Amino acid sequence: MQTKVYDEVKTNNRELAKKENQFMVVAPRADIYETKDHFTVLLEMPGVTKDGLKVYMENHHLVIEGISRHDAEGELVLSEIFKRNYRRFFKLSSTVNTESIEAKWQDGILQVKLAKLEAAKPKEITIQFN
């Protein structure tokens, strides 16, 4: 009896595994921080490699894309780790200097630093006392 259950589970998992080229599209979770000089966007994108990551500007939107891949040798008999296409758009305010954007990748977290235009930075006004 136990062998039959195992065989059924094994067969069903193999059928699911044959669909390995299907991807889930996911908007990565993000945290956004602001200082007087810049914005920092942190995005959680586990499984993405250097070759599967893109950051670009399009129509004043910051676009982040990534593909996670999990491959190993042998026949896939159980598939619970989904391959994911990450995609996220951020409409940038007119205060962002689109010529000064930096991106860093570390431990599954993408950090994008968006500098503010000089005109958008807070300016202290000196008060004259008589």
C-alpha atoms as a PDB file:
ATOM      1  CA  MET A   1       0.000   0.000   0.000  1.00  0.00           C
ATOM      2  CA  GLN A   2       2.725   2.462   0.924  1.00  0.00           C
ATOM      3  CA  THR A   3       4.571   1.751  -2.344  1.00  0.00           C
ATOM      4  CA  LYS A   4       1.432   2.594  -4.338  1.00  0.00           C
ATOM      5  CA  VAL A   5       1.046   5.966  -2.585  1.00  0.00           C
ATOM      6  CA  TYR A   6       4.723   6.754  -3.167  1.00  0.00           C
ATOM      7  CA  ASP A   7       4.437   5.802  -6.855  1.00  0.00           C
ATOM      8  CA  GLU A   8       1.368   8.022  -7.296  1.00  0.00           C
ATOM      9  CA  VAL A   9       3.122  10.969  -5.663  1.00  0.00           C
ATOM     10  CA  LYS A  10       6.241  10.315  -7.720  1.00  0.00           C
ATOM     11  CA  THR A  11       4.212  10.160 -10.957  1.00  0.00           C
ATOM     12  CA  ASN A  12       2.269  13.358 -10.168  1.00  0.00           C
ATOM     13  CA  ASN A  13       5.460  15.227  -9.315  1.00  0.00           C
ATOM     14  CA  ARG A  14       7.091  14.096 -12.560  1.00  0.00           C
ATOM     15  CA  GLU A  15       4.113  15.445 -14.499  1.00  0.00           C
ATOM     16  CA  LEU A  16       4.456  18.784 -12.719  1.00  0.00           C
ATOM     17  CA  ALA A  17       8.206  18.760 -13.291  1.00  0.00           C
ATOM     18  CA  LYS A  18       7.692  18.456 -17.057  1.00  0.00           C
ATOM     19  CA  LYS A  19       6.293  21.996 -16.920  1.00  0.00           C
ATOM     20  CA  GLU A  20       9.697  23.272 -15.808  1.00  0.00           C
ATOM     21  CA  ASN A  21       9.846  25.958 -18.485  1.00  0.00           C
ATOM     22  CA  GLN A  22       6.894  27.819 -16.966  1.00  0.00           C
ATOM     23  CA  PHE A  23       7.732  30.886 -14.930  1.00  0.00           C
ATOM     24  CA  MET A  24       5.826  32.779 -12.278  1.00  0.00           C
ATOM     25  CA  VAL A  25       5.962  36.574 -12.700  1.00  0.00           C
ATOM     26  CA  VAL A  26       6.507  38.252  -9.344  1.00  0.00           C
ATOM     27  CA  ALA A  27       6.846  41.883  -8.283  1.00  0.00           C
ATOM     28  CA  PRO A  28       9.803  41.778  -5.881  1.00  0.00           C
ATOM     29  CA  ARG A  29       9.199  43.198  -2.422  1.00  0.00           C
ATOM     30  CA  ALA A  30      10.744  46.614  -1.929  1.00  0.00           C
ATOM     31  CA  ASP A  31      11.737  49.054   0.788  1.00  0.00           C
ATOM     32  CA  ILE A  32      12.336  52.709  -0.136  1.00  0.00           C
ATOM     33  CA  TYR A  33      14.382  55.122   1.973  1.00  0.00           C
ATOM     34  CA  GLU A  34      14.832  58.864   1.528  1.00  0.00           C
ATOM     35  CA  THR A  35      17.592  61.203   2.654  1.00  0.00           C
ATOM     36  CA  LYS A  36      18.089  64.843   1.754  1.00  0.00           C
ATOM     37  CA  ASP A  37      20.407  63.788  -1.120  1.00  0.00           C
ATOM     38  CA  HIS A  38      18.910  60.611  -2.546  1.00  0.00           C
ATOM     39  CA  PHE A  39      16.364  57.786  -2.510  1.00  0.00           C
ATOM     40  CA  THR A  40      17.441  54.175  -1.961  1.00  0.00           C
ATOM     41  CA  VAL A  41      15.306  51.299  -3.224  1.00  0.00           C
ATOM     42  CA  LEU A  42      16.005  47.808  -1.854  1.00  0.00           C
ATOM     43  CA  LEU A  43      14.462  44.851  -3.706  1.00  0.00           C
ATOM     44  CA  GLU A  44      14.386  41.247  -2.537  1.00  0.00           C
ATOM     45  CA  MET A  45      15.103  38.924  -5.499  1.00  0.00           C
ATOM     46  CA  PRO A  46      16.387  35.519  -4.338  1.00  0.00           C
ATOM     47  CA  GLY A  47      17.816  33.144  -6.924  1.00  0.00           C
ATOM     48  CA  VAL A  48      18.645  35.843  -9.479  1.00  0.00           C
ATOM     49  CA  THR A  49      22.127  35.696 -10.975  1.00  0.00           C
ATOM     50  CA  LYS A  50      24.258  38.424 -12.514  1.00  0.00           C
ATOM     51  CA  ASP A  51      23.253  37.316 -16.020  1.00  0.00           C
ATOM     52  CA  GLY A  52      19.542  37.362 -15.174  1.00  0.00           C
ATOM     53  CA  LEU A  53      19.357  40.912 -13.779  1.00  0.00           C
ATOM     54  CA  LYS A  54      18.488  44.168 -15.601  1.00  0.00           C
ATOM     55  CA  VAL A  55      17.914  47.713 -14.347  1.00  0.00           C
ATOM     56  CA  TYR A  56      16.981  50.427 -16.837  1.00  0.00           C
ATOM     57  CA  MET A  57      14.996  53.622 -17.413  1.00  0.00           C
ATOM     58  CA  GLU A  58      11.974  53.768 -19.717  1.00  0.00           C
ATOM     59  CA  ASN A  59       9.582  56.737 -20.032  1.00  0.00           C
ATOM     60  CA  HIS A  60      10.684  58.146 -16.659  1.00  0.00           C
ATOM     61  CA  HIS A  61      10.084  54.783 -14.988  1.00  0.00           C
ATOM     62  CA  LEU A  62      12.768  52.774 -13.237  1.00  0.00           C
ATOM     63  CA  VAL A  63      12.371  49.181 -14.441  1.00  0.00           C
ATOM     64  CA  ILE A  64      13.861  46.199 -12.606  1.00  0.00           C
ATOM     65  CA  GLU A  65      13.802  42.715 -14.122  1.00  0.00           C
ATOM     66  CA  GLY A  66      15.341  39.471 -12.958  1.00  0.00           C
ATOM     67  CA  ILE A  67      15.118  35.766 -13.680  1.00  0.00           C
ATOM     68  CA  SER A  68      15.794  33.142 -11.031  1.00  0.00           C
ATOM     69  CA  ARG A  69      17.101  29.796 -12.171  1.00  0.00           C
ATOM     70  CA  HIS A  70      17.575  26.604 -10.199  1.00  0.00           C
ATOM     71  CA  ASP A  71      19.182  23.753 -12.109  1.00  0.00           C
ATOM     72  CA  ALA A  72      20.993  20.593 -11.134  1.00  0.00           C
ATOM     73  CA  GLU A  73      22.133  17.402 -12.830  1.00  0.00           C
ATOM     74  CA  GLY A  74      19.767  14.486 -13.189  1.00  0.00           C
ATOM     75  CA  GLU A  75      16.099  13.896 -13.837  1.00  0.00           C
ATOM     76  CA  LEU A  76      13.765  16.257 -12.054  1.00  0.00           C
ATOM     77  CA  VAL A  77      11.391  14.120  -9.968  1.00  0.00           C
ATOM     78  CA  LEU A  78      10.012  16.750  -7.569  1.00  0.00           C
ATOM     79  CA  SER A  79       9.520  20.419  -8.369  1.00  0.00           C
ATOM     80  CA  GLU A  80       8.608  22.813  -5.556  1.00  0.00           C
ATOM     81  CA  ILE A  81      11.039  25.661  -6.281  1.00  0.00           C
ATOM     82  CA  PHE A  82       9.397  27.903  -8.848  1.00  0.00           C
ATOM     83  CA  LYS A  83      11.447  29.666 -11.454  1.00  0.00           C
ATOM     84  CA  ARG A  84      10.487  33.308 -11.206  1.00  0.00           C
ATOM     85  CA  ASN A  85      10.533  36.287 -13.501  1.00  0.00           C
ATOM     86  CA  TYR A  86      10.787  39.367 -11.320  1.00  0.00           C
ATOM     87  CA  ARG A  87       9.489  42.632 -12.750  1.00  0.00           C
ATOM     88  CA  ARG A  88       8.833  45.946 -10.998  1.00  0.00           C
ATOM     89  CA  PHE A  89       8.266  49.510 -12.206  1.00  0.00           C
ATOM     90  CA  PHE A  90       8.704  52.721 -10.235  1.00  0.00           C
ATOM     91  CA  LYS A  91       7.476  56.026 -11.649  1.00  0.00           C
ATOM     92  CA  LEU A  92      10.186  58.505 -10.750  1.00  0.00           C
ATOM     93  CA  SER A  93       9.406  61.962  -9.500  1.00  0.00           C
ATOM     94  CA  SER A  94      10.788  64.988 -11.281  1.00  0.00           C
ATOM     95  CA  THR A  95      13.192  65.438  -8.334  1.00  0.00           C
ATOM     96  CA  VAL A  96      15.279  62.390  -9.342  1.00  0.00           C
ATOM     97  CA  ASN A  97      18.465  62.913 -11.341  1.00  0.00           C
ATOM     98  CA  THR A  98      18.068  60.154 -13.944  1.00  0.00           C
ATOM     99  CA  GLU A  99      21.698  60.659 -15.019  1.00  0.00           C
ATOM    100  CA  SER A 100      22.934  59.587 -11.575  1.00  0.00           C
ATOM    101  CA  ILE A 101      21.528  56.145 -10.758  1.00  0.00           C
ATOM    102  CA  GLU A 102      23.651  53.433  -9.123  1.00  0.00           C
ATOM    103  CA  ALA A 103      22.794  49.775  -8.580  1.00  0.00           C
ATOM    104  CA  LYS A 104      24.502  47.163  -6.372  1.00  0.00           C
ATOM    105  CA  TRP A 105      23.733  43.466  -5.873  1.00  0.00           C
ATOM    106  CA  GLN A 106      24.501  41.498  -2.711  1.00  0.00           C
ATOM    107  CA  ASP A 107      23.026  38.342  -1.177  1.00  0.00           C
ATOM    108  CA  GLY A 108      19.752  38.388  -3.137  1.00  0.00           C
ATOM    109  CA  ILE A 109      19.105  42.094  -2.484  1.00  0.00           C
ATOM    110  CA  LEU A 110      19.305  44.731  -5.220  1.00  0.00           C
ATOM    111  CA  GLN A 111      20.068  48.251  -3.992  1.00  0.00           C
ATOM    112  CA  VAL A 112      19.296  51.125  -6.360  1.00  0.00           C
ATOM    113  CA  LYS A 113      20.435  54.604  -5.340  1.00  0.00           C
ATOM    114  CA  LEU A 114      18.618  57.505  -7.012  1.00  0.00           C
ATOM    115  CA  ALA A 115      20.278  60.896  -6.555  1.00  0.00           C
ATOM    116  CA  LYS A 116      18.091  63.969  -6.212  1.00  0.00           C
ATOM    117  CA  LEU A 117      18.496  66.992  -8.463  1.00  0.00           C
ATOM    118  CA  GLU A 118      20.218  69.914  -6.760  1.00  0.00           C
ATOM    119  CA  ALA A 119      17.073  72.031  -7.111  1.00  0.00           C
ATOM    120  CA  ALA A 120      15.083  69.390  -5.202  1.00  0.00           C
ATOM    121  CA  LYS A 121      17.412  69.208  -2.212  1.00  0.00           C
ATOM    122  CA  PRO A 122      16.346  71.115   0.879  1.00  0.00           C
ATOM    123  CA  LYS A 123      18.059  74.460   1.310  1.00  0.00           C
ATOM    124  CA  GLU A 124      18.427  76.238   4.569  1.00  0.00           C
ATOM    125  CA  ILE A 125      17.597  79.918   4.409  1.00  0.00           C
ATOM    126  CA  THR A 126      19.582  82.267   6.575  1.00  0.00           C
ATOM    127  CA  ILE A 127      17.458  84.539   8.721  1.00  0.00           C
ATOM    128  CA  GLN A 128      18.719  88.055   9.194  1.00  0.00           C
ATOM    129  CA  PHE A 129      18.070  89.669  12.528  1.00  0.00           C
ATOM    130  CA  ASN A 130      18.117  93.465  12.969  1.00  0.00           C
END
